[in-house]
């Protein structure tokens, strides 16, 4: 285990992000939290008073994604970033962000892309995926749901497939960084709902392990994990052309290119 690592966890005012942040500080690591506004930042500070800092910004806005990256960079290089922030599969309608994007895509996909591109490159990147990625559609022709009839569950599945593809693309483009995706299980957070059957205590374990552990099994890149073990993905995750199409799409939508290795 790292003696002390600095870790940034997005979406850490509640849910799995909060649980991961708590686990990290309990292990003696320095944690930067994230919340979408000042009220939520106060909540996060109250929940994890040992945290070093809180970056504040609504990840539904490209301008605020940039602001969050600036705040994190001002704190110095982080050993790891856990891309946890997301909106869920029960979103009842298509909401449009200030940048004209479907909010599920903006928060779940574009935000981790932009933060990856702009935050000083860490040693490790962890992207939160879901078992629902296996039912996702990687076709980018209507990624903003402008023509399809809205389906919150399908939009979420697509976004989690894109997150997994992003992890594998970054692992390929940045060989000096350990980049992996995690299915934390269907757990009883506000997003998952009270009836979720998986183990909540195990929910944050794998992402924390991948962020800070020196175990050989955690010191890998371009893998998808479920409860500490490699797990199967949608086949498109491994399609290099589709990975690069996603990177190009995110670069076009954000105006931010992923730096080369």
Protein backbone atom coordinates (compact mmCIF):
# COMPACT_ATOMS: atom_id res chain seq x y z
CA UNK A 1 0.00 0.00 0.00
CA UNK A 2 1.18 3.52 -0.79
CA UNK A 3 2.52 5.25 2.34
CA UNK A 4 0.44 8.31 1.47
CA UNK A 5 -1.20 9.08 -1.84
CA UNK A 6 -3.08 12.22 -2.90
CA UNK A 7 -6.35 11.21 -4.55
CA UNK A 8 -9.09 13.27 -6.19
CA UNK A 9 -12.58 11.72 -6.13
CA UNK A 10 -15.30 13.31 -8.26
CA UNK A 11 -18.88 13.24 -7.04
CA UNK A 12 -17.80 12.66 -3.44
CA UNK A 13 -20.49 14.56 -1.53
CA UNK A 14 -22.53 11.36 -1.25
CA UNK A 15 -22.88 7.79 -2.51
CA UNK A 16 -19.95 5.68 -3.62
CA UNK A 17 -17.70 8.70 -4.03
CA UNK A 18 -18.21 9.64 -0.40
CA UNK A 19 -17.62 6.06 0.72
CA UNK A 20 -14.42 5.87 -1.33
CA UNK A 21 -13.19 9.18 0.11
CA UNK A 22 -13.85 7.98 3.65
CA UNK A 23 -12.03 4.71 2.98
CA UNK A 24 -9.04 6.59 1.60
CA UNK A 25 -8.70 8.97 4.54
CA UNK A 26 -9.09 6.05 6.96
CA UNK A 27 -6.09 4.49 5.20
CA UNK A 28 -4.06 7.67 5.71
CA UNK A 29 -4.29 9.15 2.23
CA UNK A 30 -4.76 12.81 1.29
CA UNK A 31 -8.11 13.30 -0.40
CA UNK A 32 -9.53 16.07 -2.54
CA UNK A 33 -13.30 15.91 -2.60
CA UNK A 34 -15.63 17.27 -5.26
CA UNK A 35 -19.11 18.76 -5.07
CA UNK A 36 -21.28 20.46 -7.66
CA UNK A 37 -21.95 23.65 -5.63
CA UNK A 38 -20.96 25.34 -2.37
CA UNK A 39 -23.89 23.89 -0.40
CA UNK A 40 -22.90 20.38 -1.41
CA UNK A 41 -19.25 21.23 -0.69
CA UNK A 42 -20.25 22.09 2.88
CA UNK A 43 -22.00 18.72 3.11
CA UNK A 44 -18.88 16.96 1.82
CA UNK A 45 -16.63 18.74 4.32
CA UNK A 46 -18.96 17.75 7.14
CA UNK A 47 -18.96 14.11 6.01
CA UNK A 48 -15.18 13.88 5.54
CA UNK A 49 -13.60 16.55 7.74
CA UNK A 50 -10.16 14.95 7.30
CA UNK A 51 -10.18 15.74 3.56
CA UNK A 52 -7.55 18.19 2.35
CA UNK A 53 -9.77 20.22 0.03
CA UNK A 54 -13.00 20.33 -1.96
CA UNK A 55 -13.11 21.23 -5.65
CA UNK A 56 -16.42 22.85 -6.56
CA UNK A 57 -18.09 22.79 -9.96
CA UNK A 58 -21.13 21.49 -11.83
CA UNK A 59 -19.88 18.82 -14.23
CA UNK A 60 -22.84 19.48 -16.51
CA UNK A 61 -20.99 22.55 -17.82
CA UNK A 62 -17.74 22.48 -19.81
CA UNK A 63 -16.73 25.81 -18.26
CA UNK A 64 -17.17 24.36 -14.77
CA UNK A 65 -15.35 21.17 -15.75
CA UNK A 66 -12.42 23.44 -16.64
CA UNK A 67 -12.77 25.25 -13.32
CA UNK A 68 -12.69 21.98 -11.39
CA UNK A 69 -9.53 20.94 -13.24
CA UNK A 70 -7.94 24.30 -12.41
CA UNK A 71 -8.77 23.90 -8.72
CA UNK A 72 -7.31 20.40 -8.61
CA UNK A 73 -4.15 21.44 -10.44
CA UNK A 74 -3.65 24.34 -8.02
CA UNK A 75 -3.35 21.78 -5.21
CA UNK A 76 -0.47 19.97 -6.92
CA UNK A 77 -0.16 16.66 -8.70
CA UNK A 78 -2.46 13.90 -7.51
CA UNK A 79 -1.35 10.28 -7.46
CA UNK A 80 -4.77 9.11 -8.62
CA UNK A 81 -8.12 10.38 -9.85
CA UNK A 82 -11.31 8.39 -9.34
CA UNK A 83 -13.91 9.48 -11.89
CA UNK A 84 -17.01 8.65 -9.86
CA UNK A 85 -19.50 11.48 -10.54
CA UNK A 86 -22.57 10.42 -12.49
CA UNK A 87 -26.31 10.77 -12.89
CA UNK A 88 -28.32 7.60 -12.91
CA UNK A 89 -30.47 5.34 -15.02
CA UNK A 90 -33.79 6.63 -13.69
CA UNK A 91 -33.52 10.07 -15.28
CA UNK A 92 -37.11 10.72 -16.46
CA UNK A 93 -36.39 13.04 -19.36
CA UNK A 94 -33.66 14.42 -21.54
CA UNK A 95 -32.26 17.58 -19.95
CA UNK A 96 -30.02 19.90 -21.93
CA UNK A 97 -26.87 21.41 -20.44
CA UNK A 98 -25.67 24.98 -21.12
CA UNK A 99 -23.45 23.51 -23.85
CA UNK A 100 -26.40 21.90 -25.65
CA UNK A 101 -25.60 18.37 -24.51
CA UNK A 102 -27.76 15.67 -22.99
CA UNK A 103 -27.01 15.94 -19.28
CA UNK A 104 -26.34 12.20 -18.85
CA UNK A 105 -23.68 12.35 -21.55
CA UNK A 106 -22.18 15.60 -20.26
CA UNK A 107 -21.81 14.49 -16.64
CA UNK A 108 -21.12 10.79 -17.13
CA UNK A 109 -18.87 10.90 -20.20
CA UNK A 110 -17.67 14.33 -21.23
CA UNK A 111 -16.71 15.39 -17.70
CA UNK A 112 -14.32 12.48 -17.09
CA UNK A 113 -12.86 13.05 -20.56
CA UNK A 114 -12.30 16.78 -19.94
CA UNK A 115 -10.89 16.23 -16.45
CA UNK A 116 -8.59 13.53 -17.80
CA UNK A 117 -7.34 15.90 -20.47
CA UNK A 118 -6.84 18.92 -18.19
CA UNK A 119 -5.78 17.61 -14.78
CA UNK A 120 -2.01 17.18 -14.38
CA UNK A 121 -1.44 13.59 -15.36
CA UNK A 122 -1.65 11.26 -12.33
CA UNK A 123 -0.09 7.83 -11.96
CA UNK A 124 -3.51 6.16 -11.89
CA UNK A 125 -6.96 6.78 -13.31
CA UNK A 126 -10.09 4.91 -12.26
CA UNK A 127 -13.34 5.26 -14.20
CA UNK A 128 -16.63 4.15 -12.64
CA UNK A 129 -18.58 1.95 -15.01
CA UNK A 130 -21.53 -0.38 -14.42
CA UNK A 131 -22.77 -3.83 -15.31
CA UNK A 132 -25.23 -1.95 -17.53
CA UNK A 133 -22.36 -1.09 -19.90
CA UNK A 134 -22.87 -4.50 -21.48
CA UNK A 135 -26.25 -3.27 -22.77
CA UNK A 136 -24.85 0.02 -24.07
CA UNK A 137 -24.72 1.26 -27.65
CA UNK A 138 -21.42 2.78 -28.81
CA UNK A 139 -22.93 4.43 -31.91
CA UNK A 140 -22.16 8.15 -31.63
CA UNK A 141 -24.52 9.27 -34.40
CA UNK A 142 -27.21 10.27 -31.87
CA UNK A 143 -25.23 10.37 -28.63
CA UNK A 144 -27.20 13.46 -27.53
CA UNK A 145 -30.60 11.80 -28.00
CA UNK A 146 -31.81 14.43 -30.45
CA UNK A 147 -33.60 11.90 -32.66
CA UNK A 148 -34.24 8.89 -30.46
CA UNK A 149 -37.11 8.70 -28.00
CA UNK A 150 -35.57 9.29 -24.59
CA UNK A 151 -34.76 6.29 -22.41
CA UNK A 152 -32.98 7.06 -19.15
CA UNK A 153 -31.82 3.49 -18.68
CA UNK A 154 -30.43 3.25 -22.22
CA UNK A 155 -28.73 6.64 -21.96
CA UNK A 156 -27.11 5.50 -18.71
CA UNK A 157 -26.03 2.18 -20.24
CA UNK A 158 -24.53 4.00 -23.22
CA UNK A 159 -22.68 6.40 -20.91
CA UNK A 160 -21.18 3.59 -18.84
CA UNK A 161 -20.06 1.83 -22.02
CA UNK A 162 -18.40 5.08 -23.10
CA UNK A 163 -16.71 5.40 -19.69
CA UNK A 164 -15.28 1.90 -20.05
CA UNK A 165 -14.11 2.67 -23.58
CA UNK A 166 -12.52 5.89 -22.28
CA UNK A 167 -10.55 3.98 -19.67
CA UNK A 168 -9.23 1.55 -22.29
CA UNK A 169 -8.46 4.37 -24.74
CA UNK A 170 -6.49 6.30 -22.12
CA UNK A 171 -4.63 3.13 -21.14
CA UNK A 172 -3.60 2.72 -24.77
CA UNK A 173 -2.67 6.35 -25.42
CA UNK A 174 -0.94 6.95 -22.08
CA UNK A 175 1.16 3.85 -21.34
CA UNK A 176 2.80 5.60 -18.37
CA UNK A 177 -0.58 5.78 -16.55
CA UNK A 178 -2.54 2.90 -15.05
CA UNK A 179 -6.08 3.43 -16.34
CA UNK A 180 -8.88 1.01 -15.50
CA UNK A 181 -12.66 0.85 -15.19
CA UNK A 182 -14.73 -0.54 -12.32
CA UNK A 183 -18.21 -1.96 -12.02
CA UNK A 184 -18.95 -1.28 -8.32
CA UNK A 185 -22.05 -3.45 -8.34
CA UNK A 186 -25.69 -2.44 -8.00
CA UNK A 187 -25.64 -1.02 -4.49
CA UNK A 188 -28.13 0.86 -2.34
CA UNK A 189 -27.00 4.45 -2.86
CA UNK A 190 -29.35 7.29 -3.80
CA UNK A 191 -28.65 6.46 -7.44
CA UNK A 192 -28.94 2.69 -7.05
CA UNK A 193 -32.11 2.75 -4.99
CA UNK A 194 -33.03 1.06 -1.73
CA UNK A 195 -33.75 -2.32 -3.36
CA UNK A 196 -30.28 -2.72 -4.87
CA UNK A 197 -29.03 -6.24 -4.05
CA UNK A 198 -25.24 -5.87 -4.06
CA UNK A 199 -22.93 -5.32 -1.08
CA UNK A 200 -22.70 -1.59 -0.29
CA UNK A 201 -19.59 -2.10 1.83
CA UNK A 202 -17.85 -3.68 -1.16
CA UNK A 203 -19.00 -0.88 -3.48
CA UNK A 204 -16.00 1.46 -3.04
CA UNK A 205 -13.41 -1.22 -2.36
CA UNK A 206 -12.15 -1.92 -5.88
CA UNK A 207 -11.76 1.70 -6.95
CA UNK A 208 -9.84 2.52 -3.77
CA UNK A 209 -7.63 -0.54 -4.29
CA UNK A 210 -6.89 0.42 -7.89
CA UNK A 211 -6.11 3.99 -6.86
CA UNK A 212 -3.55 3.29 -4.14
CA UNK A 213 -2.57 -0.36 -3.81
CA UNK A 214 0.87 -1.71 -4.68
CA UNK A 215 -0.57 -5.20 -5.19
CA UNK A 216 0.53 -6.66 -8.51
CA UNK A 217 -3.12 -7.32 -9.38
CA UNK A 218 -3.90 -3.60 -8.96
CA UNK A 219 -0.81 -2.40 -10.85
CA UNK A 220 -2.30 -3.11 -14.26
CA UNK A 221 -3.82 -0.99 -17.01
CA UNK A 222 -6.59 -1.41 -19.57
CA UNK A 223 -8.69 -3.74 -17.40
CA UNK A 224 -12.30 -3.74 -16.25
CA UNK A 225 -12.94 -4.92 -12.70
CA UNK A 226 -15.85 -6.13 -10.60
CA UNK A 227 -15.21 -6.68 -6.88
CA UNK A 228 -11.46 -6.92 -7.29
CA UNK A 229 -11.41 -9.27 -10.25
CA UNK A 230 -11.21 -8.65 -14.01
CA UNK A 231 -14.66 -8.84 -15.58
CA UNK A 232 -16.09 -9.04 -19.07
CA UNK A 233 -17.06 -5.97 -21.06
CA UNK A 234 -19.13 -5.07 -24.06
CA UNK A 235 -17.05 -6.15 -27.09
CA UNK A 236 -16.88 -2.58 -28.45
CA UNK A 237 -14.71 -1.61 -25.48
CA UNK A 238 -11.78 -3.31 -27.20
CA UNK A 239 -12.42 -1.76 -30.64
CA UNK A 240 -9.58 0.72 -31.16
CA UNK A 241 -11.40 2.59 -33.93
CA UNK A 242 -14.44 3.07 -31.70
CA UNK A 243 -12.24 4.20 -28.82
CA UNK A 244 -10.61 6.84 -30.99
CA UNK A 245 -13.96 7.91 -32.41
CA UNK A 246 -15.15 8.55 -28.85
CA UNK A 247 -12.03 10.59 -28.06
CA UNK A 248 -12.52 12.63 -31.24
CA UNK A 249 -16.20 13.18 -30.47
CA UNK A 250 -15.44 14.37 -26.93
CA UNK A 251 -12.68 16.64 -28.21
CA UNK A 252 -15.07 18.18 -30.74
CA UNK A 253 -17.85 18.66 -28.18
CA UNK A 254 -15.59 20.16 -25.52
CA UNK A 255 -12.96 21.95 -27.61
CA UNK A 256 -10.31 20.09 -25.60
CA UNK A 257 -7.99 17.49 -27.11
CA UNK A 258 -6.55 14.65 -25.07
CA UNK A 259 -2.81 15.35 -24.81
CA UNK A 260 -0.55 12.81 -26.47
CA UNK A 261 1.73 10.51 -24.52
